[in-house]
């Protein structure tokens, strides 16, 4: 059976963010990845903030992926490993451009939102706030490094939350929250 554990060429380098694109897995905690694998369905639509191994992962398993990123060169690296035709569309640019595009996304369309954008945690929080209306009720928001002070400002009242912590990691790990 293929899993993050069997696909990872070097655990230490994976912790540093290497090989995620090549093996097609997100740079999240292992428990979160395994849980996501069990919950994903081929008909799901994904909205992600921060492309990379997660983009490859979702594109292989879901109907569509809409990926936002700050770095055009990084987007090109990710595009290079996606098959053609691809079910992934990209938006990239500085944060205000991303916010403008997110506001135009359809409300309650996405089954998953992944919050793992580069830049500052304040930018991640802003994208969380801007995108929450785009997520269907009863579906999933994944937040990496959820315990950073900026991300802890999000109000999870009413949400079911599941934490997948990494021992020794300064910002804990990955959180999966189900929208009420």
N, C-alpha and C. Protein backbone atom coordinates (compact mmCIF):
# COMPACT_ATOMS: atom_id res chain seq x y z
N UNK A 1 0.84 -1.18 0.00
CA UNK A 1 0.00 0.00 0.00
C UNK A 1 0.89 1.25 0.00
N UNK A 2 0.59 2.17 -0.88
CA UNK A 2 1.35 3.42 -0.98
C UNK A 2 0.89 4.37 0.13
N UNK A 3 1.84 4.94 0.86
CA UNK A 3 1.52 5.92 1.90
C UNK A 3 2.67 6.90 2.02
N UNK A 4 2.50 7.92 2.84
CA UNK A 4 3.56 8.89 3.06
C UNK A 4 4.80 8.19 3.60
N UNK A 5 4.63 7.20 4.44
CA UNK A 5 5.76 6.50 5.04
C UNK A 5 6.53 5.71 3.98
N UNK A 6 5.82 5.02 3.10
CA UNK A 6 6.50 4.21 2.08
C UNK A 6 7.12 5.07 0.97
N UNK A 7 6.61 6.25 0.74
CA UNK A 7 7.09 7.10 -0.35
C UNK A 7 8.21 8.06 0.04
N UNK A 8 8.40 8.27 1.31
CA UNK A 8 9.38 9.25 1.76
C UNK A 8 10.80 8.70 1.63
N UNK A 9 11.64 9.33 0.81
CA UNK A 9 13.00 8.82 0.62
C UNK A 9 13.92 9.07 1.81
N UNK A 10 13.68 10.15 2.57
CA UNK A 10 14.55 10.50 3.68
C UNK A 10 13.74 11.35 4.66
N UNK A 11 13.46 10.80 5.84
CA UNK A 11 12.59 11.46 6.81
C UNK A 11 13.13 12.82 7.23
N UNK A 12 14.42 12.92 7.51
CA UNK A 12 15.00 14.19 7.94
C UNK A 12 14.82 15.26 6.87
N UNK A 13 15.09 14.93 5.62
CA UNK A 13 14.94 15.91 4.54
C UNK A 13 13.48 16.26 4.30
N UNK A 14 12.58 15.28 4.47
CA UNK A 14 11.16 15.57 4.35
C UNK A 14 10.73 16.59 5.41
N UNK A 15 11.21 16.44 6.65
CA UNK A 15 10.90 17.40 7.71
C UNK A 15 11.33 18.81 7.32
N UNK A 16 12.36 18.92 6.52
CA UNK A 16 12.85 20.21 6.06
C UNK A 16 12.13 20.70 4.79
N UNK A 17 11.17 19.91 4.30
CA UNK A 17 10.38 20.33 3.14
C UNK A 17 10.88 19.82 1.81
N UNK A 18 11.86 18.94 1.82
CA UNK A 18 12.38 18.41 0.56
C UNK A 18 11.58 17.19 0.13
N UNK A 19 11.53 16.95 -1.15
CA UNK A 19 10.91 15.78 -1.78
C UNK A 19 9.38 15.83 -1.82
N UNK A 20 8.75 16.86 -1.29
CA UNK A 20 7.29 16.87 -1.25
C UNK A 20 6.69 16.87 -2.65
N UNK A 21 7.26 17.64 -3.54
CA UNK A 21 6.75 17.67 -4.91
C UNK A 21 7.04 16.34 -5.60
N UNK A 22 8.26 15.87 -5.44
CA UNK A 22 8.67 14.65 -6.14
C UNK A 22 7.83 13.43 -5.74
N UNK A 23 7.52 13.30 -4.44
CA UNK A 23 6.73 12.14 -4.02
C UNK A 23 5.23 12.42 -4.05
N UNK A 24 4.85 13.69 -4.22
CA UNK A 24 3.44 14.03 -4.35
C UNK A 24 2.67 13.95 -3.05
N UNK A 25 3.29 14.41 -1.98
CA UNK A 25 2.60 14.46 -0.69
C UNK A 25 2.77 15.85 -0.09
N UNK A 26 1.76 16.30 0.67
CA UNK A 26 1.87 17.62 1.29
C UNK A 26 2.89 17.61 2.42
N UNK A 27 3.41 18.78 2.73
CA UNK A 27 4.35 18.95 3.83
C UNK A 27 3.55 19.25 5.09
N UNK A 28 2.87 18.22 5.58
CA UNK A 28 2.02 18.30 6.77
C UNK A 28 2.44 17.18 7.72
N UNK A 29 1.85 17.14 8.89
CA UNK A 29 2.15 16.03 9.81
C UNK A 29 1.59 14.73 9.23
N UNK A 30 2.27 13.63 9.56
CA UNK A 30 1.89 12.33 8.98
C UNK A 30 0.46 11.94 9.31
N UNK A 31 0.06 12.14 10.56
CA UNK A 31 -1.30 11.77 10.95
C UNK A 31 -2.34 12.53 10.14
N UNK A 32 -2.09 13.80 9.89
CA UNK A 32 -3.02 14.60 9.09
C UNK A 32 -3.08 14.07 7.66
N UNK A 33 -1.93 13.74 7.10
CA UNK A 33 -1.91 13.22 5.72
C UNK A 33 -2.71 11.93 5.62
N UNK A 34 -2.49 11.03 6.55
CA UNK A 34 -3.20 9.75 6.52
C UNK A 34 -4.70 9.97 6.69
N UNK A 35 -5.10 10.88 7.57
CA UNK A 35 -6.53 11.20 7.74
C UNK A 35 -7.13 11.80 6.48
N UNK A 36 -6.40 12.72 5.88
CA UNK A 36 -6.89 13.35 4.65
C UNK A 36 -7.08 12.30 3.56
N UNK A 37 -6.12 11.38 3.44
CA UNK A 37 -6.23 10.32 2.43
C UNK A 37 -7.52 9.52 2.59
N UNK A 38 -7.93 9.28 3.82
CA UNK A 38 -9.14 8.50 4.07
C UNK A 38 -10.42 9.29 3.83
N UNK A 39 -10.35 10.61 3.95
CA UNK A 39 -11.54 11.45 3.81
C UNK A 39 -11.76 11.98 2.39
N UNK A 40 -10.71 12.07 1.61
CA UNK A 40 -10.82 12.61 0.25
C UNK A 40 -11.67 11.72 -0.65
N UNK A 41 -12.39 12.38 -1.53
CA UNK A 41 -13.19 11.66 -2.54
C UNK A 41 -12.88 12.23 -3.92
N UNK A 42 -13.00 11.41 -4.95
CA UNK A 42 -12.69 11.88 -6.31
C UNK A 42 -13.52 13.08 -6.76
N UNK A 43 -14.69 13.28 -6.20
CA UNK A 43 -15.54 14.40 -6.61
C UNK A 43 -15.26 15.69 -5.84
N UNK A 44 -14.31 15.70 -4.94
CA UNK A 44 -14.02 16.88 -4.13
C UNK A 44 -13.27 17.96 -4.92
N UNK A 45 -13.59 19.20 -4.55
CA UNK A 45 -12.93 20.40 -5.09
C UNK A 45 -12.10 21.01 -3.98
N UNK A 46 -10.88 21.37 -4.31
CA UNK A 46 -9.90 21.83 -3.33
C UNK A 46 -9.54 23.29 -3.59
N UNK A 47 -9.46 24.06 -2.52
CA UNK A 47 -8.94 25.42 -2.55
C UNK A 47 -7.72 25.44 -1.64
N UNK A 48 -6.55 25.67 -2.22
CA UNK A 48 -5.35 25.63 -1.38
C UNK A 48 -4.58 26.94 -1.47
N UNK A 49 -4.00 27.29 -0.34
CA UNK A 49 -3.16 28.48 -0.23
C UNK A 49 -1.76 28.01 0.11
N UNK A 50 -0.91 28.01 -0.90
CA UNK A 50 0.44 27.49 -0.80
C UNK A 50 0.55 26.21 -1.59
N UNK A 51 1.10 26.30 -2.80
CA UNK A 51 1.20 25.11 -3.65
C UNK A 51 2.49 24.35 -3.35
N UNK A 52 2.54 23.12 -3.79
CA UNK A 52 3.71 22.26 -3.59
C UNK A 52 3.30 20.81 -3.69
N UNK A 53 3.83 20.00 -2.80
CA UNK A 53 3.48 18.59 -2.79
C UNK A 53 1.99 18.38 -2.59
N UNK A 54 1.35 19.27 -1.86
CA UNK A 54 -0.10 19.17 -1.65
C UNK A 54 -0.86 19.30 -2.96
N UNK A 55 -0.38 20.13 -3.85
CA UNK A 55 -1.03 20.33 -5.14
C UNK A 55 -1.00 19.03 -5.95
N UNK A 56 0.16 18.40 -5.98
CA UNK A 56 0.31 17.12 -6.67
C UNK A 56 -0.59 16.08 -6.02
N UNK A 57 -0.56 16.01 -4.71
CA UNK A 57 -1.36 15.07 -3.92
C UNK A 57 -2.85 15.21 -4.25
N UNK A 58 -3.38 16.42 -4.13
CA UNK A 58 -4.80 16.64 -4.39
C UNK A 58 -5.15 16.41 -5.86
N UNK A 59 -4.29 16.81 -6.77
CA UNK A 59 -4.60 16.67 -8.19
C UNK A 59 -4.77 15.21 -8.59
N UNK A 60 -4.08 14.31 -7.92
CA UNK A 60 -4.17 12.87 -8.21
C UNK A 60 -5.41 12.22 -7.62
N UNK A 61 -6.05 12.91 -6.68
CA UNK A 61 -7.12 12.27 -5.92
C UNK A 61 -8.47 12.96 -6.02
N UNK A 62 -8.53 14.18 -6.57
CA UNK A 62 -9.76 14.97 -6.52
C UNK A 62 -10.16 15.51 -7.90
N UNK A 63 -11.35 16.05 -7.95
CA UNK A 63 -11.90 16.59 -9.19
C UNK A 63 -11.13 17.83 -9.67
N UNK A 64 -10.92 18.79 -8.75
CA UNK A 64 -10.23 20.03 -9.16
C UNK A 64 -9.47 20.63 -7.99
N UNK A 65 -8.43 21.38 -8.34
CA UNK A 65 -7.62 22.08 -7.36
C UNK A 65 -7.44 23.51 -7.84
N UNK A 66 -7.76 24.45 -6.98
CA UNK A 66 -7.51 25.87 -7.23
C UNK A 66 -6.44 26.27 -6.25
N UNK A 67 -5.25 26.63 -6.75
CA UNK A 67 -4.10 26.85 -5.90
C UNK A 67 -3.64 28.30 -5.97
N UNK A 68 -3.46 28.90 -4.80
CA UNK A 68 -2.99 30.27 -4.66
C UNK A 68 -1.59 30.26 -4.07
N UNK A 69 -0.72 31.11 -4.61
CA UNK A 69 0.64 31.20 -4.09
C UNK A 69 1.19 32.60 -4.32
N UNK A 70 2.21 32.94 -3.54
CA UNK A 70 2.85 34.25 -3.64
C UNK A 70 3.99 34.27 -4.65
N UNK A 71 4.54 33.11 -5.00
CA UNK A 71 5.79 33.01 -5.75
C UNK A 71 5.59 32.35 -7.11
N UNK A 72 5.68 33.14 -8.16
CA UNK A 72 5.47 32.64 -9.52
C UNK A 72 6.48 31.54 -9.87
N UNK A 73 7.73 31.70 -9.46
CA UNK A 73 8.74 30.67 -9.78
C UNK A 73 8.41 29.34 -9.12
N UNK A 74 7.92 29.38 -7.88
CA UNK A 74 7.53 28.16 -7.20
C UNK A 74 6.35 27.51 -7.91
N UNK A 75 5.39 28.31 -8.35
CA UNK A 75 4.25 27.79 -9.11
C UNK A 75 4.75 27.06 -10.35
N UNK A 76 5.71 27.63 -11.04
CA UNK A 76 6.26 26.98 -12.25
C UNK A 76 6.92 25.65 -11.91
N UNK A 77 7.60 25.55 -10.77
CA UNK A 77 8.18 24.27 -10.33
C UNK A 77 7.11 23.21 -10.12
N UNK A 78 6.01 23.62 -9.53
CA UNK A 78 4.91 22.68 -9.28
C UNK A 78 4.25 22.28 -10.59
N UNK A 79 4.00 23.24 -11.47
CA UNK A 79 3.40 22.94 -12.77
C UNK A 79 4.21 21.91 -13.55
N UNK A 80 5.52 21.96 -13.41
CA UNK A 80 6.41 21.07 -14.17
C UNK A 80 6.20 19.60 -13.83
N UNK A 81 5.67 19.29 -12.66
CA UNK A 81 5.47 17.88 -12.30
C UNK A 81 4.03 17.41 -12.47
N UNK A 82 3.14 18.32 -12.80
CA UNK A 82 1.73 17.94 -13.01
C UNK A 82 1.54 17.38 -14.42
N UNK A 83 0.69 16.39 -14.56
CA UNK A 83 0.43 15.85 -15.90
C UNK A 83 -0.38 16.85 -16.73
N UNK A 84 -0.29 16.72 -18.02
CA UNK A 84 -1.12 17.52 -18.92
C UNK A 84 -2.13 16.60 -19.59
N UNK A 85 -3.38 16.93 -19.62
CA UNK A 85 -3.98 18.13 -19.02
C UNK A 85 -4.06 17.97 -17.51
N UNK A 86 -4.10 19.09 -16.85
CA UNK A 86 -4.13 19.11 -15.39
C UNK A 86 -5.48 19.61 -14.90
N UNK A 87 -5.87 19.15 -13.74
CA UNK A 87 -7.10 19.63 -13.10
C UNK A 87 -6.80 20.74 -12.08
N UNK A 88 -5.61 21.35 -12.20
CA UNK A 88 -5.17 22.40 -11.28
C UNK A 88 -5.15 23.74 -12.01
N UNK A 89 -5.69 24.76 -11.35
CA UNK A 89 -5.55 26.13 -11.85
C UNK A 89 -4.85 26.94 -10.76
N UNK A 90 -4.04 27.90 -11.19
CA UNK A 90 -3.21 28.67 -10.27
C UNK A 90 -3.54 30.15 -10.32
N UNK A 91 -3.42 30.77 -9.16
CA UNK A 91 -3.44 32.23 -9.03
C UNK A 91 -2.20 32.56 -8.21
N UNK A 92 -1.41 33.51 -8.69
CA UNK A 92 -0.23 33.90 -7.93
C UNK A 92 -0.03 35.40 -8.02
N UNK A 93 0.66 35.90 -7.02
CA UNK A 93 0.93 37.33 -6.95
C UNK A 93 1.01 37.75 -5.51
N UNK A 94 1.10 39.05 -5.28
CA UNK A 94 1.18 39.55 -3.91
C UNK A 94 -0.18 39.39 -3.23
N UNK A 95 -0.16 39.54 -1.93
CA UNK A 95 -1.31 39.17 -1.10
C UNK A 95 -2.61 39.87 -1.50
N UNK A 96 -2.57 41.16 -1.87
CA UNK A 96 -3.82 41.85 -2.23
C UNK A 96 -4.42 41.30 -3.52
N UNK A 97 -3.58 40.84 -4.44
CA UNK A 97 -4.08 40.20 -5.66
C UNK A 97 -4.78 38.90 -5.30
N UNK A 98 -4.17 38.12 -4.40
CA UNK A 98 -4.78 36.86 -3.98
C UNK A 98 -6.12 37.09 -3.30
N UNK A 99 -6.17 38.09 -2.43
CA UNK A 99 -7.42 38.40 -1.73
C UNK A 99 -8.51 38.78 -2.73
N UNK A 100 -8.19 39.61 -3.70
CA UNK A 100 -9.18 40.00 -4.72
C UNK A 100 -9.74 38.79 -5.45
N UNK A 101 -8.86 37.85 -5.81
CA UNK A 101 -9.31 36.64 -6.51
C UNK A 101 -10.15 35.74 -5.62
N UNK A 102 -9.76 35.60 -4.36
CA UNK A 102 -10.51 34.74 -3.43
C UNK A 102 -11.93 35.27 -3.27
N UNK A 103 -12.08 36.55 -3.18
CA UNK A 103 -13.41 37.14 -3.01
C UNK A 103 -14.33 36.82 -4.18
N UNK A 104 -13.76 36.52 -5.34
CA UNK A 104 -14.56 36.19 -6.53
C UNK A 104 -14.88 34.70 -6.62
N UNK A 105 -14.27 33.88 -5.78
CA UNK A 105 -14.56 32.45 -5.78
C UNK A 105 -16.01 32.23 -5.34
N UNK A 106 -16.66 31.18 -5.83
CA UNK A 106 -18.05 30.93 -5.42
C UNK A 106 -18.15 30.50 -3.96
N UNK A 107 -19.16 31.00 -3.28
CA UNK A 107 -19.40 30.62 -1.89
C UNK A 107 -19.84 29.16 -1.81
N UNK A 108 -19.42 28.50 -0.72
CA UNK A 108 -19.78 27.12 -0.41
C UNK A 108 -19.59 26.17 -1.60
N UNK A 109 -18.49 26.33 -2.30
CA UNK A 109 -18.18 25.49 -3.45
C UNK A 109 -17.16 24.41 -3.11
N UNK A 110 -16.20 24.74 -2.24
CA UNK A 110 -15.06 23.86 -2.00
C UNK A 110 -15.33 22.88 -0.86
N UNK A 111 -14.81 21.66 -1.04
CA UNK A 111 -14.91 20.62 -0.02
C UNK A 111 -13.75 20.68 0.96
N UNK A 112 -12.64 21.23 0.52
CA UNK A 112 -11.43 21.35 1.33
C UNK A 112 -10.78 22.71 1.10
N UNK A 113 -10.26 23.28 2.17
CA UNK A 113 -9.37 24.43 2.07
C UNK A 113 -8.11 24.06 2.82
N UNK A 114 -6.97 24.26 2.18
CA UNK A 114 -5.67 24.04 2.82
C UNK A 114 -5.02 25.40 3.03
N UNK A 115 -4.64 25.68 4.27
CA UNK A 115 -3.98 26.92 4.62
C UNK A 115 -2.51 26.59 4.92
N UNK A 116 -1.64 26.88 3.96
CA UNK A 116 -0.20 26.61 4.13
C UNK A 116 0.60 27.57 3.25
N UNK A 117 0.13 28.80 3.15
CA UNK A 117 0.73 29.81 2.29
C UNK A 117 2.07 30.27 2.85
N UNK A 118 3.05 30.49 1.97
CA UNK A 118 4.31 31.09 2.38
C UNK A 118 4.07 32.51 2.86
N UNK A 119 5.12 33.23 3.11
CA UNK A 119 4.98 34.59 3.62
C UNK A 119 4.82 34.55 5.12
N UNK A 120 4.02 35.44 5.66
CA UNK A 120 3.87 35.53 7.11
C UNK A 120 2.62 34.77 7.56
N UNK A 121 2.57 34.46 8.85
CA UNK A 121 1.38 33.82 9.39
C UNK A 121 0.19 34.77 9.37
N UNK A 122 0.46 36.06 9.42
CA UNK A 122 -0.61 37.04 9.29
C UNK A 122 -1.28 36.91 7.91
N UNK A 123 -0.47 36.66 6.87
CA UNK A 123 -1.03 36.43 5.53
C UNK A 123 -1.89 35.17 5.51
N UNK A 124 -1.42 34.12 6.16
CA UNK A 124 -2.21 32.88 6.24
C UNK A 124 -3.54 33.14 6.92
N UNK A 125 -3.48 33.88 8.03
CA UNK A 125 -4.72 34.19 8.74
C UNK A 125 -5.68 34.99 7.86
N UNK A 126 -5.14 35.93 7.13
CA UNK A 126 -5.98 36.73 6.23
C UNK A 126 -6.66 35.85 5.19
N UNK A 127 -5.94 34.89 4.64
CA UNK A 127 -6.53 34.00 3.65
C UNK A 127 -7.58 33.09 4.29
N UNK A 128 -7.36 32.68 5.54
CA UNK A 128 -8.38 31.90 6.26
C UNK A 128 -9.67 32.70 6.35
N UNK A 129 -9.54 33.91 6.81
CA UNK A 129 -10.71 34.78 6.99
C UNK A 129 -11.43 35.04 5.66
N UNK A 130 -10.66 35.29 4.62
CA UNK A 130 -11.25 35.61 3.31
C UNK A 130 -11.91 34.40 2.66
N UNK A 131 -11.41 33.21 2.95
CA UNK A 131 -11.87 32.03 2.21
C UNK A 131 -12.94 31.21 2.91
N UNK A 132 -13.23 31.48 4.16
CA UNK A 132 -14.11 30.59 4.92
C UNK A 132 -15.50 30.48 4.32
N UNK A 133 -16.00 31.53 3.68
CA UNK A 133 -17.31 31.45 3.03
C UNK A 133 -17.29 30.54 1.80
N UNK A 134 -16.13 30.22 1.30
CA UNK A 134 -15.99 29.40 0.09
C UNK A 134 -16.09 27.91 0.41
N UNK A 135 -15.99 27.56 1.69
CA UNK A 135 -16.02 26.16 2.13
C UNK A 135 -17.45 25.73 2.43
N UNK A 136 -17.83 24.55 1.94
CA UNK A 136 -19.14 23.99 2.23
C UNK A 136 -19.26 23.66 3.71
N UNK A 137 -20.47 23.74 4.23
CA UNK A 137 -20.72 23.31 5.60
C UNK A 137 -20.50 21.80 5.71
N UNK A 138 -19.89 21.39 6.80
CA UNK A 138 -19.63 19.98 7.02
C UNK A 138 -18.36 19.48 6.35
N UNK A 139 -17.59 20.40 5.78
CA UNK A 139 -16.36 19.99 5.09
C UNK A 139 -15.13 20.58 5.78
N UNK A 140 -13.98 20.45 5.19
CA UNK A 140 -12.71 20.48 5.90
C UNK A 140 -11.81 21.67 5.58
N UNK A 141 -11.27 22.26 6.65
CA UNK A 141 -10.21 23.23 6.52
C UNK A 141 -8.98 22.64 7.21
N UNK A 142 -7.86 22.62 6.48
CA UNK A 142 -6.60 22.09 6.99
C UNK A 142 -5.67 23.27 7.21
N UNK A 143 -5.14 23.39 8.43
CA UNK A 143 -4.28 24.51 8.78
C UNK A 143 -2.95 23.95 9.27
N UNK A 144 -1.88 24.23 8.53
CA UNK A 144 -0.57 23.78 8.96
C UNK A 144 0.04 24.82 9.89
N UNK A 145 0.84 24.35 10.84
CA UNK A 145 1.46 25.22 11.85
C UNK A 145 0.39 26.02 12.60
N UNK A 146 -0.68 25.33 12.97
CA UNK A 146 -1.88 25.97 13.51
C UNK A 146 -1.65 26.73 14.81
N UNK A 147 -0.59 26.46 15.54
CA UNK A 147 -0.40 27.12 16.82
C UNK A 147 0.43 28.39 16.76
N UNK A 148 0.70 28.90 15.57
CA UNK A 148 1.38 30.20 15.53
C UNK A 148 0.40 31.25 16.07
N UNK A 149 0.91 32.28 16.73
CA UNK A 149 0.01 33.27 17.34
C UNK A 149 -1.01 33.88 16.38
N UNK A 150 -0.61 34.17 15.15
CA UNK A 150 -1.55 34.76 14.20
C UNK A 150 -2.68 33.79 13.86
N UNK A 151 -2.36 32.52 13.68
CA UNK A 151 -3.38 31.54 13.30
C UNK A 151 -4.29 31.19 14.47
N UNK A 152 -3.80 31.37 15.69
CA UNK A 152 -4.63 31.08 16.87
C UNK A 152 -5.73 32.12 17.05
N UNK A 153 -5.71 33.20 16.27
CA UNK A 153 -6.76 34.23 16.36
C UNK A 153 -8.07 33.75 15.74
N UNK A 154 -8.01 32.69 14.93
CA UNK A 154 -9.23 32.22 14.26
C UNK A 154 -10.20 31.67 15.30
N UNK A 155 -11.48 31.99 15.15
CA UNK A 155 -12.51 31.53 16.08
C UNK A 155 -13.07 30.19 15.60
N UNK A 156 -12.74 29.13 16.30
CA UNK A 156 -13.19 27.78 15.95
C UNK A 156 -14.46 27.38 16.69
N UNK A 157 -15.15 28.33 17.28
CA UNK A 157 -16.38 28.02 17.99
C UNK A 157 -17.35 27.29 17.05
N UNK A 158 -17.81 26.12 17.48
CA UNK A 158 -18.74 25.32 16.69
C UNK A 158 -18.07 24.35 15.72
N UNK A 159 -16.81 24.54 15.45
CA UNK A 159 -16.07 23.66 14.56
C UNK A 159 -15.62 22.41 15.33
N UNK A 160 -15.63 21.26 14.67
CA UNK A 160 -14.96 20.08 15.20
C UNK A 160 -13.51 20.19 14.75
N UNK A 161 -12.57 20.09 15.70
CA UNK A 161 -11.16 20.23 15.35
C UNK A 161 -10.38 18.99 15.77
N UNK A 162 -9.44 18.62 14.92
CA UNK A 162 -8.58 17.47 15.16
C UNK A 162 -7.14 17.92 14.94
N UNK A 163 -6.32 17.71 15.95
CA UNK A 163 -4.93 18.17 15.91
C UNK A 163 -3.99 16.99 15.70
N UNK A 164 -3.06 17.17 14.80
CA UNK A 164 -2.07 16.16 14.49
C UNK A 164 -0.71 16.79 14.74
N UNK A 165 -0.26 16.66 15.99
CA UNK A 165 0.95 17.35 16.41
C UNK A 165 2.21 16.54 16.08
N UNK A 166 3.30 17.27 15.97
CA UNK A 166 4.61 16.68 15.74
C UNK A 166 5.44 16.97 16.98
N UNK A 167 5.93 15.94 17.61
CA UNK A 167 6.73 16.11 18.82
C UNK A 167 7.98 16.92 18.49
N UNK A 168 8.21 17.96 19.29
CA UNK A 168 9.39 18.78 19.12
C UNK A 168 9.25 19.88 18.08
N UNK A 169 8.11 19.96 17.41
CA UNK A 169 7.89 21.00 16.41
C UNK A 169 7.40 22.25 17.12
N UNK A 170 7.99 23.38 16.85
CA UNK A 170 7.68 24.60 17.60
C UNK A 170 6.28 25.15 17.35
N UNK A 171 5.64 24.78 16.27
CA UNK A 171 4.28 25.26 16.01
C UNK A 171 3.29 24.11 15.92
N UNK A 172 3.60 23.04 16.62
CA UNK A 172 2.78 21.86 16.85
C UNK A 172 2.62 20.96 15.64
N UNK A 173 1.91 21.34 14.63
CA UNK A 173 1.65 20.44 13.52
C UNK A 173 0.50 20.92 12.67
N UNK A 174 -0.41 20.01 12.38
CA UNK A 174 -1.50 20.30 11.44
C UNK A 174 -2.84 20.11 12.15
N UNK A 175 -3.76 20.99 11.84
CA UNK A 175 -5.12 20.93 12.38
C UNK A 175 -6.09 20.70 11.22
N UNK A 176 -7.04 19.82 11.42
CA UNK A 176 -8.15 19.65 10.48
C UNK A 176 -9.41 20.06 11.21
N UNK A 177 -10.14 21.00 10.64
CA UNK A 177 -11.36 21.51 11.26
C UNK A 177 -12.53 21.31 10.30
N UNK A 178 -13.66 20.91 10.86
CA UNK A 178 -14.88 20.69 10.06
C UNK A 178 -15.82 21.86 10.29
N UNK A 179 -16.21 22.49 9.19
CA UNK A 179 -17.05 23.70 9.26
C UNK A 179 -18.46 23.34 9.73
N UNK A 180 -18.95 24.09 10.73
CA UNK A 180 -20.32 23.82 11.24
C UNK A 180 -21.40 24.23 10.25
